[in-house]
C-alpha atoms as a PDB file:
ATOM      1  CA  UNK A   1       5.099  23.153 -14.154  1.00  0.00           C
ATOM      2  CA  UNK A   2       4.103  21.625 -10.874  1.00  0.00           C
ATOM      3  CA  UNK A   3       6.271  19.788  -8.369  1.00  0.00           C
ATOM      4  CA  UNK A   4       5.712  16.339  -6.952  1.00  0.00           C
ATOM      5  CA  UNK A   5       2.446  15.849  -5.154  1.00  0.00           C
ATOM      6  CA  UNK A   6       2.971  15.536  -1.416  1.00  0.00           C
ATOM      7  CA  UNK A   7       0.547  13.263   0.381  1.00  0.00           C
ATOM      8  CA  UNK A   8      -0.408  14.128   3.899  1.00  0.00           C
ATOM      9  CA  UNK A   9      -1.484  11.640   6.498  1.00  0.00           C
ATOM     10  CA  UNK A  10      -5.245  11.239   6.781  1.00  0.00           C
ATOM     11  CA  UNK A  11      -6.927  13.256   9.493  1.00  0.00           C
ATOM     12  CA  UNK A  12      -9.962  12.187  11.501  1.00  0.00           C
ATOM     13  CA  UNK A  13     -11.973  14.563  13.631  1.00  0.00           C
ATOM     14  CA  UNK A  14     -12.270  13.838  17.342  1.00  0.00           C
ATOM     15  CA  UNK A  15     -15.836  12.593  16.786  1.00  0.00           C
ATOM     16  CA  UNK A  16     -14.784  10.340  13.913  1.00  0.00           C
ATOM     17  CA  UNK A  17     -11.964   8.924  16.037  1.00  0.00           C
ATOM     18  CA  UNK A  18     -14.399   8.269  18.894  1.00  0.00           C
ATOM     19  CA  UNK A  19     -16.799   6.483  16.521  1.00  0.00           C
ATOM     20  CA  UNK A  20     -14.031   4.352  15.011  1.00  0.00           C
ATOM     21  CA  UNK A  21     -12.692   3.470  18.446  1.00  0.00           C
ATOM     22  CA  UNK A  22     -16.152   2.450  19.640  1.00  0.00           C
ATOM     23  CA  UNK A  23     -16.683   0.247  16.579  1.00  0.00           C
ATOM     24  CA  UNK A  24     -13.219  -1.262  17.104  1.00  0.00           C
ATOM     25  CA  UNK A  25     -14.307  -2.140  20.639  1.00  0.00           C
ATOM     26  CA  UNK A  26     -17.294  -4.015  19.256  1.00  0.00           C
ATOM     27  CA  UNK A  27     -19.984  -1.505  20.161  1.00  0.00           C
ATOM     28  CA  UNK A  28     -23.158  -1.260  18.112  1.00  0.00           C
ATOM     29  CA  UNK A  29     -24.244   1.953  16.333  1.00  0.00           C
ATOM     30  CA  UNK A  30     -27.119   2.603  18.756  1.00  0.00           C
ATOM     31  CA  UNK A  31     -24.865   2.378  21.790  1.00  0.00           C
ATOM     32  CA  UNK A  32     -22.246   4.580  20.125  1.00  0.00           C
ATOM     33  CA  UNK A  33     -24.886   7.175  19.263  1.00  0.00           C
ATOM     34  CA  UNK A  34     -26.208   7.252  22.816  1.00  0.00           C
ATOM     35  CA  UNK A  35     -22.737   7.487  24.347  1.00  0.00           C
ATOM     36  CA  UNK A  36     -21.726  10.367  22.063  1.00  0.00           C
ATOM     37  CA  UNK A  37     -25.082  12.166  22.149  1.00  0.00           C
ATOM     38  CA  UNK A  38     -25.582  11.897  18.389  1.00  0.00           C
ATOM     39  CA  UNK A  39     -28.010  10.049  16.138  1.00  0.00           C
ATOM     40  CA  UNK A  40     -27.423   6.608  14.635  1.00  0.00           C
ATOM     41  CA  UNK A  41     -27.598   8.305  11.229  1.00  0.00           C
ATOM     42  CA  UNK A  42     -24.698  10.570  12.254  1.00  0.00           C
ATOM     43  CA  UNK A  43     -22.697   7.560  13.462  1.00  0.00           C
ATOM     44  CA  UNK A  44     -23.137   5.940  10.049  1.00  0.00           C
ATOM     45  CA  UNK A  45     -22.264   9.205   8.280  1.00  0.00           C
ATOM     46  CA  UNK A  46     -19.056   9.442  10.317  1.00  0.00           C
ATOM     47  CA  UNK A  47     -18.239   5.840   9.471  1.00  0.00           C
ATOM     48  CA  UNK A  48     -18.593   6.521   5.740  1.00  0.00           C
ATOM     49  CA  UNK A  49     -16.364   9.598   6.101  1.00  0.00           C
ATOM     50  CA  UNK A  50     -13.787   7.492   7.968  1.00  0.00           C
ATOM     51  CA  UNK A  51     -13.740   4.930   5.148  1.00  0.00           C
ATOM     52  CA  UNK A  52     -13.142   7.714   2.612  1.00  0.00           C
ATOM     53  CA  UNK A  53     -10.472   9.474   4.694  1.00  0.00           C
ATOM     54  CA  UNK A  54      -8.560   6.240   5.275  1.00  0.00           C
ATOM     55  CA  UNK A  55      -9.303   4.757   1.854  1.00  0.00           C
ATOM     56  CA  UNK A  56     -10.649   1.717   3.705  1.00  0.00           C
ATOM     57  CA  UNK A  57     -12.910  -0.954   2.264  1.00  0.00           C
ATOM     58  CA  UNK A  58     -14.507  -2.066   5.535  1.00  0.00           C
ATOM     59  CA  UNK A  59     -14.404  -1.597   9.286  1.00  0.00           C
ATOM     60  CA  UNK A  60     -11.569  -4.036   9.960  1.00  0.00           C
ATOM     61  CA  UNK A  61      -9.514  -2.368   7.229  1.00  0.00           C
ATOM     62  CA  UNK A  62     -10.247   1.091   8.682  1.00  0.00           C
ATOM     63  CA  UNK A  63      -9.171   0.013  12.174  1.00  0.00           C
ATOM     64  CA  UNK A  64      -5.978  -1.561  10.820  1.00  0.00           C
ATOM     65  CA  UNK A  65      -5.107   1.544   8.816  1.00  0.00           C
ATOM     66  CA  UNK A  66      -5.877   3.832  11.768  1.00  0.00           C
ATOM     67  CA  UNK A  67      -3.617   1.751  14.026  1.00  0.00           C
ATOM     68  CA  UNK A  68      -0.827   1.708  11.424  1.00  0.00           C
ATOM     69  CA  UNK A  69      -1.040   5.511  11.159  1.00  0.00           C
ATOM     70  CA  UNK A  70      -1.137   5.914  14.962  1.00  0.00           C
ATOM     71  CA  UNK A  71      -4.622   7.421  14.824  1.00  0.00           C
ATOM     72  CA  UNK A  72      -5.736   4.643  17.186  1.00  0.00           C
ATOM     73  CA  UNK A  73      -3.672   2.369  19.336  1.00  0.00           C
ATOM     74  CA  UNK A  74      -4.376  -1.205  20.301  1.00  0.00           C
ATOM     75  CA  UNK A  75      -4.229  -0.396  24.030  1.00  0.00           C
ATOM     76  CA  UNK A  76      -7.108   2.066  23.560  1.00  0.00           C
ATOM     77  CA  UNK A  77      -9.121  -0.599  21.806  1.00  0.00           C
ATOM     78  CA  UNK A  78      -8.470  -3.269  24.425  1.00  0.00           C
ATOM     79  CA  UNK A  79      -9.162  -0.996  27.410  1.00  0.00           C
ATOM     80  CA  UNK A  80     -12.786  -0.413  26.525  1.00  0.00           C
ATOM     81  CA  UNK A  81     -13.803  -3.556  24.726  1.00  0.00           C
ATOM     82  CA  UNK A  82     -17.156  -5.188  25.407  1.00  0.00           C
ATOM     83  CA  UNK A  83     -15.456  -7.825  27.556  1.00  0.00           C
ATOM     84  CA  UNK A  84     -13.178  -5.435  29.477  1.00  0.00           C
ATOM     85  CA  UNK A  85     -13.225  -5.742  33.225  1.00  0.00           C
END
């Protein structure tokens, strides 16, 4: 007999968090890849892994879930947005 299944909060790696944050700031995959020193293919692979980890359907959903779970915070997103001064 097994006990109740305990769900743990999703975990993102530091690289996955950096990729999600960059997308949330409106950056394009090529710019994200260059900034992180990885390939565009790797950026897209991380994004797919983020969707799975967060059970997200799209980027906006992933960002919302990450913010709700305190994996990202809105101040982080706003500080580095494409229109930040």
